[in-house]
Amino acid sequence: QGVQIRRKYPSMFDALFGVKPEPEWPASEAKQHLD
């Protein structure tokens, strides 16, 4: 996957249809995914 991407402010459709964002990686895990 390499990196995560997400909106700063959530989408109204995410709430309406129950879409939950992927849990944010800690800094160490984010570096590992990039590596």
PDB file of all heavy atoms in Angstrom:
ATOM      1  N   GLN A   1       0.826  -1.207   0.000  1.00  0.00           N
ATOM      2  CA  GLN A   1       0.000   0.000   0.000  1.00  0.00           C
ATOM      3  C   GLN A   1       0.856   1.252   0.000  1.00  0.00           C
ATOM      4  O   GLN A   1       0.517   2.246  -0.631  1.00  0.00           O
ATOM      5  CB  GLN A   1      -0.937  -0.010   1.213  1.00  0.00           C
ATOM      6  CG  GLN A   1      -1.894   1.165   1.262  1.00  0.00           C
ATOM      7  CD  GLN A   1      -2.891   1.057   2.406  1.00  0.00           C
ATOM      8  OE1 GLN A   1      -3.216  -0.049   2.853  1.00  0.00           O
ATOM      9  NE2 GLN A   1      -3.382   2.188   2.888  1.00  0.00           N
ATOM     10  N   GLY A   2       1.924   1.234   0.728  1.00  0.00           N
ATOM     11  CA  GLY A   2       2.880   2.341   0.729  1.00  0.00           C
ATOM     12  C   GLY A   2       2.537   3.457   1.677  1.00  0.00           C
ATOM     13  O   GLY A   2       3.293   3.758   2.615  1.00  0.00           O
ATOM     14  N   VAL A   3       1.407   4.117   1.466  1.00  0.00           N
ATOM     15  CA  VAL A   3       0.981   5.239   2.311  1.00  0.00           C
ATOM     16  C   VAL A   3      -0.532   5.186   2.467  1.00  0.00           C
ATOM     17  O   VAL A   3      -1.218   4.458   1.757  1.00  0.00           O
ATOM     18  CB  VAL A   3       1.389   6.606   1.715  1.00  0.00           C
ATOM     19  CG1 VAL A   3       2.899   6.742   1.627  1.00  0.00           C
ATOM     20  CG2 VAL A   3       0.746   6.812   0.338  1.00  0.00           C
ATOM     21  N   GLN A   4      -1.040   5.955   3.387  1.00  0.00           N
ATOM     22  CA  GLN A   4      -2.472   6.153   3.551  1.00  0.00           C
ATOM     23  C   GLN A   4      -2.849   7.540   3.036  1.00  0.00           C
ATOM     24  O   GLN A   4      -2.035   8.472   3.066  1.00  0.00           O
ATOM     25  CB  GLN A   4      -2.887   6.055   5.017  1.00  0.00           C
ATOM     26  CG  GLN A   4      -2.774   4.684   5.636  1.00  0.00           C
ATOM     27  CD  GLN A   4      -3.194   4.697   7.097  1.00  0.00           C
ATOM     28  OE1 GLN A   4      -2.696   5.492   7.884  1.00  0.00           O
ATOM     29  NE2 GLN A   4      -4.118   3.819   7.454  1.00  0.00           N
ATOM     30  N   ILE A   5      -4.082   7.686   2.579  1.00  0.00           N
ATOM     31  CA  ILE A   5      -4.602   9.012   2.251  1.00  0.00           C
ATOM     32  C   ILE A   5      -5.971   9.158   2.887  1.00  0.00           C
ATOM     33  O   ILE A   5      -6.729   8.193   2.990  1.00  0.00           O
ATOM     34  CB  ILE A   5      -4.675   9.267   0.732  1.00  0.00           C
ATOM     35  CG1 ILE A   5      -5.543   8.215   0.024  1.00  0.00           C
ATOM     36  CG2 ILE A   5      -3.290   9.297   0.116  1.00  0.00           C
ATOM     37  CD1 ILE A   5      -5.763   8.505  -1.454  1.00  0.00           C
ATOM     38  N   ARG A   6      -6.282  10.348   3.344  1.00  0.00           N
ATOM     39  CA  ARG A   6      -7.574  10.607   3.977  1.00  0.00           C
ATOM     40  C   ARG A   6      -7.899  12.090   3.882  1.00  0.00           C
ATOM     41  O   ARG A   6      -7.013  12.942   3.745  1.00  0.00           O
ATOM     42  CB  ARG A   6      -7.581  10.154   5.440  1.00  0.00           C
ATOM     43  CG  ARG A   6      -6.617  10.909   6.335  1.00  0.00           C
ATOM     44  CD  ARG A   6      -6.637  10.391   7.775  1.00  0.00           C
ATOM     45  NE  ARG A   6      -6.144   9.031   7.850  1.00  0.00           N
ATOM     46  CZ  ARG A   6      -6.865   8.010   8.322  1.00  0.00           C
ATOM     47  NH1 ARG A   6      -8.093   8.208   8.745  1.00  0.00           N
ATOM     48  NH2 ARG A   6      -6.354   6.808   8.390  1.00  0.00           N
ATOM     49  N   ARG A   7      -9.176  12.417   3.969  1.00  0.00           N
ATOM     50  CA  ARG A   7      -9.625  13.798   3.996  1.00  0.00           C
ATOM     51  C   ARG A   7      -9.349  14.416   5.368  1.00  0.00           C
ATOM     52  O   ARG A   7      -9.441  13.738   6.388  1.00  0.00           O
ATOM     53  CB  ARG A   7     -11.127  13.879   3.707  1.00  0.00           C
ATOM     54  CG  ARG A   7     -11.518  13.579   2.285  1.00  0.00           C
ATOM     55  CD  ARG A   7     -13.034  13.525   2.110  1.00  0.00           C
ATOM     56  NE  ARG A   7     -13.727  14.700   2.634  1.00  0.00           N
ATOM     57  CZ  ARG A   7     -14.700  15.338   2.012  1.00  0.00           C
ATOM     58  NH1 ARG A   7     -15.090  14.939   0.805  1.00  0.00           N
ATOM     59  NH2 ARG A   7     -15.305  16.356   2.556  1.00  0.00           N
ATOM     60  N   LYS A   8      -9.079  15.719   5.369  1.00  0.00           N
ATOM     61  CA  LYS A   8      -8.955  16.424   6.644  1.00  0.00           C
ATOM     62  C   LYS A   8     -10.311  16.518   7.315  1.00  0.00           C
ATOM     63  O   LYS A   8     -10.443  16.333   8.530  1.00  0.00           O
ATOM     64  CB  LYS A   8      -8.383  17.826   6.410  1.00  0.00           C
ATOM     65  CG  LYS A   8      -8.194  18.636   7.683  1.00  0.00           C
ATOM     66  CD  LYS A   8      -7.524  19.971   7.398  1.00  0.00           C
ATOM     67  CE  LYS A   8      -7.296  20.757   8.683  1.00  0.00           C
ATOM     68  NZ  LYS A   8      -6.623  22.055   8.413  1.00  0.00           N
ATOM     69  N   TYR A   9     -11.341  16.820   6.525  1.00  0.00           N
ATOM     70  CA  TYR A   9     -12.712  16.870   7.028  1.00  0.00           C
ATOM     71  C   TYR A   9     -13.505  15.744   6.368  1.00  0.00           C
ATOM     72  O   TYR A   9     -13.463  15.590   5.153  1.00  0.00           O
ATOM     73  CB  TYR A   9     -13.354  18.228   6.732  1.00  0.00           C
ATOM     74  CG  TYR A   9     -12.601  19.380   7.343  1.00  0.00           C
ATOM     75  CD1 TYR A   9     -11.847  20.247   6.545  1.00  0.00           C
ATOM     76  CD2 TYR A   9     -12.613  19.581   8.722  1.00  0.00           C
ATOM     77  CE1 TYR A   9     -11.141  21.303   7.111  1.00  0.00           C
ATOM     78  CE2 TYR A   9     -11.902  20.634   9.295  1.00  0.00           C
ATOM     79  CZ  TYR A   9     -11.173  21.487   8.486  1.00  0.00           C
ATOM     80  OH  TYR A   9     -10.473  22.516   9.053  1.00  0.00           O
ATOM     81  N   PRO A  10     -14.247  14.957   7.140  1.00  0.00           N
ATOM     82  CA  PRO A  10     -14.920  13.769   6.592  1.00  0.00           C
ATOM     83  C   PRO A  10     -15.963  14.117   5.534  1.00  0.00           C
ATOM     84  O   PRO A  10     -16.495  15.228   5.490  1.00  0.00           O
ATOM     85  CB  PRO A  10     -15.576  13.131   7.823  1.00  0.00           C
ATOM     86  CG  PRO A  10     -14.867  13.711   8.997  1.00  0.00           C
ATOM     87  CD  PRO A  10     -14.437  15.085   8.600  1.00  0.00           C
ATOM     88  N   SER A  11     -16.263  13.150   4.706  1.00  0.00           N
ATOM     89  CA  SER A  11     -17.300  13.287   3.693  1.00  0.00           C
ATOM     90  C   SER A  11     -18.668  13.045   4.317  1.00  0.00           C
ATOM     91  O   SER A  11     -18.828  12.152   5.153  1.00  0.00           O
ATOM     92  CB  SER A  11     -17.073  12.282   2.565  1.00  0.00           C
ATOM     93  OG  SER A  11     -18.216  12.154   1.751  1.00  0.00           O
ATOM     94  N   MET A  12     -19.676  13.809   3.877  1.00  0.00           N
ATOM     95  CA  MET A  12     -21.037  13.595   4.382  1.00  0.00           C
ATOM     96  C   MET A  12     -21.555  12.218   3.974  1.00  0.00           C
ATOM     97  O   MET A  12     -22.370  11.619   4.668  1.00  0.00           O
ATOM     98  CB  MET A  12     -21.975  14.684   3.873  1.00  0.00           C
ATOM     99  CG  MET A  12     -22.224  14.674   2.383  1.00  0.00           C
ATOM    100  SD  MET A  12     -23.468  15.915   1.917  1.00  0.00           S
ATOM    101  CE  MET A  12     -23.588  15.642   0.147  1.00  0.00           C
ATOM    102  N   PHE A  13     -21.067  11.699   2.854  1.00  0.00           N
ATOM    103  CA  PHE A  13     -21.530  10.399   2.391  1.00  0.00           C
ATOM    104  C   PHE A  13     -20.963   9.263   3.240  1.00  0.00           C
ATOM    105  O   PHE A  13     -21.586   8.215   3.360  1.00  0.00           O
ATOM    106  CB  PHE A  13     -21.179  10.202   0.920  1.00  0.00           C
ATOM    107  CG  PHE A  13     -21.906  11.142   0.001  1.00  0.00           C
ATOM    108  CD1 PHE A  13     -21.234  12.156  -0.654  1.00  0.00           C
ATOM    109  CD2 PHE A  13     -23.271  11.037  -0.184  1.00  0.00           C
ATOM    110  CE1 PHE A  13     -21.904  13.028  -1.495  1.00  0.00           C
ATOM    111  CE2 PHE A  13     -23.957  11.897  -1.019  1.00  0.00           C
ATOM    112  CZ  PHE A  13     -23.269  12.904  -1.670  1.00  0.00           C
ATOM    113  N   ASP A  14     -19.773   9.461   3.797  1.00  0.00           N
ATOM    114  CA  ASP A  14     -19.214   8.429   4.675  1.00  0.00           C
ATOM    115  C   ASP A  14     -20.132   8.203   5.871  1.00  0.00           C
ATOM    116  O   ASP A  14     -20.420   7.061   6.244  1.00  0.00           O
ATOM    117  CB  ASP A  14     -17.821   8.840   5.159  1.00  0.00           C
ATOM    118  CG  ASP A  14     -16.785   8.791   4.053  1.00  0.00           C
ATOM    119  OD1 ASP A  14     -17.103   8.263   2.972  1.00  0.00           O
ATOM    120  OD2 ASP A  14     -15.667   9.287   4.260  1.00  0.00           O
ATOM    121  N   ALA A  15     -20.588   9.292   6.460  1.00  0.00           N
ATOM    122  CA  ALA A  15     -21.480   9.172   7.616  1.00  0.00           C
ATOM    123  C   ALA A  15     -22.830   8.599   7.213  1.00  0.00           C
ATOM    124  O   ALA A  15     -23.400   7.759   7.912  1.00  0.00           O
ATOM    125  CB  ALA A  15     -21.652  10.544   8.278  1.00  0.00           C
ATOM    126  N   LEU A  16     -23.341   9.039   6.055  1.00  0.00           N
ATOM    127  CA  LEU A  16     -24.663   8.614   5.615  1.00  0.00           C
ATOM    128  C   LEU A  16     -24.710   7.117   5.337  1.00  0.00           C
ATOM    129  O   LEU A  16     -25.697   6.442   5.637  1.00  0.00           O
ATOM    130  CB  LEU A  16     -25.069   9.393   4.366  1.00  0.00           C
ATOM    131  CG  LEU A  16     -26.505   9.234   3.873  1.00  0.00           C
ATOM    132  CD1 LEU A  16     -27.502   9.691   4.923  1.00  0.00           C
ATOM    133  CD2 LEU A  16     -26.701  10.026   2.580  1.00  0.00           C
ATOM    134  N   PHE A  17     -23.611   6.576   4.792  1.00  0.00           N
ATOM    135  CA  PHE A  17     -23.608   5.173   4.387  1.00  0.00           C
ATOM    136  C   PHE A  17     -22.693   4.309   5.258  1.00  0.00           C
ATOM    137  O   PHE A  17     -22.402   3.163   4.913  1.00  0.00           O
ATOM    138  CB  PHE A  17     -23.217   5.051   2.918  1.00  0.00           C
ATOM    139  CG  PHE A  17     -24.213   5.687   2.002  1.00  0.00           C
ATOM    140  CD1 PHE A  17     -23.976   6.930   1.447  1.00  0.00           C
ATOM    141  CD2 PHE A  17     -25.419   5.070   1.728  1.00  0.00           C
ATOM    142  CE1 PHE A  17     -24.902   7.530   0.618  1.00  0.00           C
ATOM    143  CE2 PHE A  17     -26.359   5.665   0.901  1.00  0.00           C
ATOM    144  CZ  PHE A  17     -26.110   6.904   0.347  1.00  0.00           C
ATOM    145  N   GLY A  18     -22.256   4.852   6.378  1.00  0.00           N
ATOM    146  CA  GLY A  18     -21.524   4.053   7.342  1.00  0.00           C
ATOM    147  C   GLY A  18     -20.138   3.626   6.903  1.00  0.00           C
ATOM    148  O   GLY A  18     -19.627   2.582   7.346  1.00  0.00           O
ATOM    149  N   VAL A  19     -19.486   4.422   6.047  1.00  0.00           N
ATOM    150  CA  VAL A  19     -18.116   4.110   5.622  1.00  0.00           C
ATOM    151  C   VAL A  19     -17.152   4.632   6.674  1.00  0.00           C
ATOM    152  O   VAL A  19     -17.144   5.828   6.984  1.00  0.00           O
ATOM    153  CB  VAL A  19     -17.806   4.737   4.246  1.00  0.00           C
ATOM    154  CG1 VAL A  19     -16.361   4.452   3.842  1.00  0.00           C
ATOM    155  CG2 VAL A  19     -18.773   4.209   3.200  1.00  0.00           C
ATOM    156  N   LYS A  20     -16.338   3.739   7.222  1.00  0.00           N
ATOM    157  CA  LYS A  20     -15.397   4.120   8.275  1.00  0.00           C
ATOM    158  C   LYS A  20     -13.980   4.131   7.717  1.00  0.00           C
ATOM    159  O   LYS A  20     -13.581   3.203   7.010  1.00  0.00           O
ATOM    160  CB  LYS A  20     -15.499   3.153   9.446  1.00  0.00           C
ATOM    161  CG  LYS A  20     -16.855   3.201  10.149  1.00  0.00           C
ATOM    162  CD  LYS A  20     -16.901   2.259  11.343  1.00  0.00           C
ATOM    163  CE  LYS A  20     -18.265   2.325  12.027  1.00  0.00           C
ATOM    164  NZ  LYS A  20     -18.361   1.408  13.183  1.00  0.00           N
ATOM    165  N   PRO A  21     -13.203   5.170   8.025  1.00  0.00           N
ATOM    166  CA  PRO A  21     -11.836   5.235   7.501  1.00  0.00           C
ATOM    167  C   PRO A  21     -10.948   4.172   8.140  1.00  0.00           C
ATOM    168  O   PRO A  21     -11.192   3.714   9.262  1.00  0.00           O
ATOM    169  CB  PRO A  21     -11.380   6.646   7.892  1.00  0.00           C
ATOM    170  CG  PRO A  21     -12.211   7.000   9.083  1.00  0.00           C
ATOM    171  CD  PRO A  21     -13.543   6.337   8.860  1.00  0.00           C
ATOM    172  N   GLU A  22      -9.941   3.781   7.397  1.00  0.00           N
ATOM    173  CA  GLU A  22      -8.943   2.848   7.923  1.00  0.00           C
ATOM    174  C   GLU A  22      -8.230   3.499   9.106  1.00  0.00           C
ATOM    175  O   GLU A  22      -7.912   4.693   9.057  1.00  0.00           O
ATOM    176  CB  GLU A  22      -7.940   2.524   6.814  1.00  0.00           C
ATOM    177  CG  GLU A  22      -6.851   1.559   7.212  1.00  0.00           C
ATOM    178  CD  GLU A  22      -5.831   1.369   6.101  1.00  0.00           C
ATOM    179  OE1 GLU A  22      -5.907   2.093   5.088  1.00  0.00           O
ATOM    180  OE2 GLU A  22      -4.952   0.500   6.248  1.00  0.00           O
ATOM    181  N   PRO A  23      -7.989   2.774  10.200  1.00  0.00           N
ATOM    182  CA  PRO A  23      -7.270   3.362  11.338  1.00  0.00           C
ATOM    183  C   PRO A  23      -5.925   3.937  10.893  1.00  0.00           C
ATOM    184  O   PRO A  23      -5.210   3.315  10.092  1.00  0.00           O
ATOM    185  CB  PRO A  23      -7.087   2.175  12.291  1.00  0.00           C
ATOM    186  CG  PRO A  23      -8.181   1.229  11.939  1.00  0.00           C
ATOM    187  CD  PRO A  23      -8.390   1.373  10.459  1.00  0.00           C
ATOM    188  N   GLU A  24      -5.592   5.101  11.390  1.00  0.00           N
ATOM    189  CA  GLU A  24      -4.363   5.769  10.973  1.00  0.00           C
ATOM    190  C   GLU A  24      -3.141   5.047  11.526  1.00  0.00           C
ATOM    191  O   GLU A  24      -3.095   4.674  12.704  1.00  0.00           O
ATOM    192  CB  GLU A  24      -4.375   7.223  11.434  1.00  0.00           C
ATOM    193  CG  GLU A  24      -3.242   8.049  10.858  1.00  0.00           C
ATOM    194  CD  GLU A  24      -3.419   9.532  11.122  1.00  0.00           C
ATOM    195  OE1 GLU A  24      -4.423   9.904  11.772  1.00  0.00           O
ATOM    196  OE2 GLU A  24      -2.568  10.319  10.670  1.00  0.00           O
ATOM    197  N   TRP A  25      -2.152   4.860  10.685  1.00  0.00           N
ATOM    198  CA  TRP A  25      -0.933   4.186  11.120  1.00  0.00           C
ATOM    199  C   TRP A  25      -0.121   5.086  12.049  1.00  0.00           C
ATOM    200  O   TRP A  25      -0.003   6.300  11.800  1.00  0.00           O
ATOM    201  CB  TRP A  25      -0.051   3.843   9.915  1.00  0.00           C
ATOM    202  CG  TRP A  25      -0.655   2.901   8.923  1.00  0.00           C
ATOM    203  CD1 TRP A  25      -1.597   1.945   9.158  1.00  0.00           C
ATOM    204  CD2 TRP A  25      -0.341   2.825   7.522  1.00  0.00           C
ATOM    205  NE1 TRP A  25      -1.894   1.261   8.003  1.00  0.00           N
ATOM    206  CE2 TRP A  25      -1.134   1.771   6.982  1.00  0.00           C
ATOM    207  CE3 TRP A  25       0.527   3.506   6.676  1.00  0.00           C
ATOM    208  CZ2 TRP A  25      -1.077   1.410   5.636  1.00  0.00           C
ATOM    209  CZ3 TRP A  25       0.593   3.152   5.336  1.00  0.00           C
ATOM    210  CH2 TRP A  25      -0.199   2.118   4.825  1.00  0.00           C
ATOM    211  N   PRO A  26       0.480   4.523  13.071  1.00  0.00           N
ATOM    212  CA  PRO A  26       1.477   5.281  13.842  1.00  0.00           C
ATOM    213  C   PRO A  26       2.678   5.615  12.957  1.00  0.00           C
ATOM    214  O   PRO A  26       2.894   4.972  11.916  1.00  0.00           O
ATOM    215  CB  PRO A  26       1.873   4.313  14.962  1.00  0.00           C
ATOM    216  CG  PRO A  26       0.837   3.255  14.979  1.00  0.00           C
ATOM    217  CD  PRO A  26       0.267   3.174  13.602  1.00  0.00           C
ATOM    218  N   ALA A  27       3.482   6.589  13.380  1.00  0.00           N
ATOM    219  CA  ALA A  27       4.606   7.054  12.559  1.00  0.00           C
ATOM    220  C   ALA A  27       5.566   5.924  12.206  1.00  0.00           C
ATOM    221  O   ALA A  27       6.036   5.819  11.063  1.00  0.00           O
ATOM    222  CB  ALA A  27       5.337   8.177  13.274  1.00  0.00           C
ATOM    223  N   SER A  28       5.847   5.058  13.158  1.00  0.00           N
ATOM    224  CA  SER A  28       6.789   3.969  12.902  1.00  0.00           C
ATOM    225  C   SER A  28       6.225   2.987  11.875  1.00  0.00           C
ATOM    226  O   SER A  28       6.952   2.502  10.995  1.00  0.00           O
ATOM    227  CB  SER A  28       7.118   3.234  14.203  1.00  0.00           C
ATOM    228  OG  SER A  28       5.931   2.703  14.787  1.00  0.00           O
ATOM    229  N   GLU A  29       4.941   2.716  11.967  1.00  0.00           N
ATOM    230  CA  GLU A  29       4.319   1.805  11.012  1.00  0.00           C
ATOM    231  C   GLU A  29       4.238   2.445   9.627  1.00  0.00           C
ATOM    232  O   GLU A  29       4.433   1.761   8.605  1.00  0.00           O
ATOM    233  CB  GLU A  29       2.917   1.419  11.490  1.00  0.00           C
ATOM    234  CG  GLU A  29       2.243   0.359  10.634  1.00  0.00           C
ATOM    235  CD  GLU A  29       0.879  -0.059  11.166  1.00  0.00           C
ATOM    236  OE1 GLU A  29       0.543   0.318  12.311  1.00  0.00           O
ATOM    237  OE2 GLU A  29       0.154  -0.756  10.427  1.00  0.00           O
ATOM    238  N   ALA A  30       3.969   3.754   9.577  1.00  0.00           N
ATOM    239  CA  ALA A  30       3.916   4.450   8.296  1.00  0.00           C
ATOM    240  C   ALA A  30       5.266   4.384   7.589  1.00  0.00           C
ATOM    241  O   ALA A  30       5.342   4.154   6.375  1.00  0.00           O
ATOM    242  CB  ALA A  30       3.497   5.898   8.506  1.00  0.00           C
ATOM    243  N   LYS A  31       6.354   4.553   8.365  1.00  0.00           N
ATOM    244  CA  LYS A  31       7.697   4.460   7.773  1.00  0.00           C
ATOM    245  C   LYS A  31       7.958   3.058   7.247  1.00  0.00           C
ATOM    246  O   LYS A  31       8.547   2.871   6.176  1.00  0.00           O
ATOM    247  CB  LYS A  31       8.755   4.846   8.796  1.00  0.00           C
ATOM    248  CG  LYS A  31      10.180   4.819   8.249  1.00  0.00           C
ATOM    249  CD  LYS A  31      11.188   5.214   9.307  1.00  0.00           C
ATOM    250  CE  LYS A  31      12.599   5.242   8.716  1.00  0.00           C
ATOM    251  NZ  LYS A  31      12.996   3.969   8.084  1.00  0.00           N
ATOM    252  N   GLN A  32       7.507   2.051   7.987  1.00  0.00           N
ATOM    253  CA  GLN A  32       7.720   0.670   7.564  1.00  0.00           C
ATOM    254  C   GLN A  32       6.988   0.365   6.264  1.00  0.00           C
ATOM    255  O   GLN A  32       7.524  -0.290   5.366  1.00  0.00           O
ATOM    256  CB  GLN A  32       7.259  -0.292   8.662  1.00  0.00           C
ATOM    257  CG  GLN A  32       7.601  -1.757   8.391  1.00  0.00           C
ATOM    258  CD  GLN A  32       9.095  -1.986   8.285  1.00  0.00           C
ATOM    259  OE1 GLN A  32       9.856  -1.635   9.190  1.00  0.00           O
ATOM    260  NE2 GLN A  32       9.529  -2.546   7.162  1.00  0.00           N
ATOM    261  N   HIS A  33       5.762   0.875   6.139  1.00  0.00           N
ATOM    262  CA  HIS A  33       5.006   0.659   4.903  1.00  0.00           C
ATOM    263  C   HIS A  33       5.702   1.323   3.711  1.00  0.00           C
ATOM    264  O   HIS A  33       5.758   0.737   2.611  1.00  0.00           O
ATOM    265  CB  HIS A  33       3.591   1.211   5.046  1.00  0.00           C
ATOM    266  CG  HIS A  33       2.645   0.299   5.768  1.00  0.00           C
ATOM    267  ND1 HIS A  33       2.100  -0.818   5.180  1.00  0.00           N
ATOM    268  CD2 HIS A  33       2.151   0.337   7.035  1.00  0.00           C
ATOM    269  CE1 HIS A  33       1.307  -1.436   6.037  1.00  0.00           C
ATOM    270  NE2 HIS A  33       1.320  -0.751   7.183  1.00  0.00           N
ATOM    271  N   LEU A  34       6.212   2.531   3.901  1.00  0.00           N
ATOM    272  CA  LEU A  34       6.926   3.211   2.826  1.00  0.00           C
ATOM    273  C   LEU A  34       8.189   2.441   2.451  1.00  0.00           C
ATOM    274  O   LEU A  34       8.488   2.245   1.260  1.00  0.00           O
ATOM    275  CB  LEU A  34       7.265   4.640   3.248  1.00  0.00           C
ATOM    276  CG  LEU A  34       7.996   5.497   2.214  1.00  0.00           C
ATOM    277  CD1 LEU A  34       7.172   5.662   0.938  1.00  0.00           C
ATOM    278  CD2 LEU A  34       8.345   6.865   2.794  1.00  0.00           C
ATOM    279  N   ASP A  35       8.932   1.991   3.455  1.00  0.00           N
ATOM    280  CA  ASP A  35      10.148   1.211   3.197  1.00  0.00           C
ATOM    281  C   ASP A  35       9.822  -0.077   2.456  1.00  0.00           C
ATOM    282  O   ASP A  35      10.555  -0.486   1.542  1.00  0.00           O
ATOM    283  CB  ASP A  35      10.866   0.895   4.512  1.00  0.00           C
ATOM    284  CG  ASP A  35      11.467   2.128   5.180  1.00  0.00           C
ATOM    285  OD1 ASP A  35      11.591   3.160   4.493  1.00  0.00           O
ATOM    286  OD2 ASP A  35      11.786   2.060   6.383  1.00  0.00           O
TER     287      ASP A  35
END
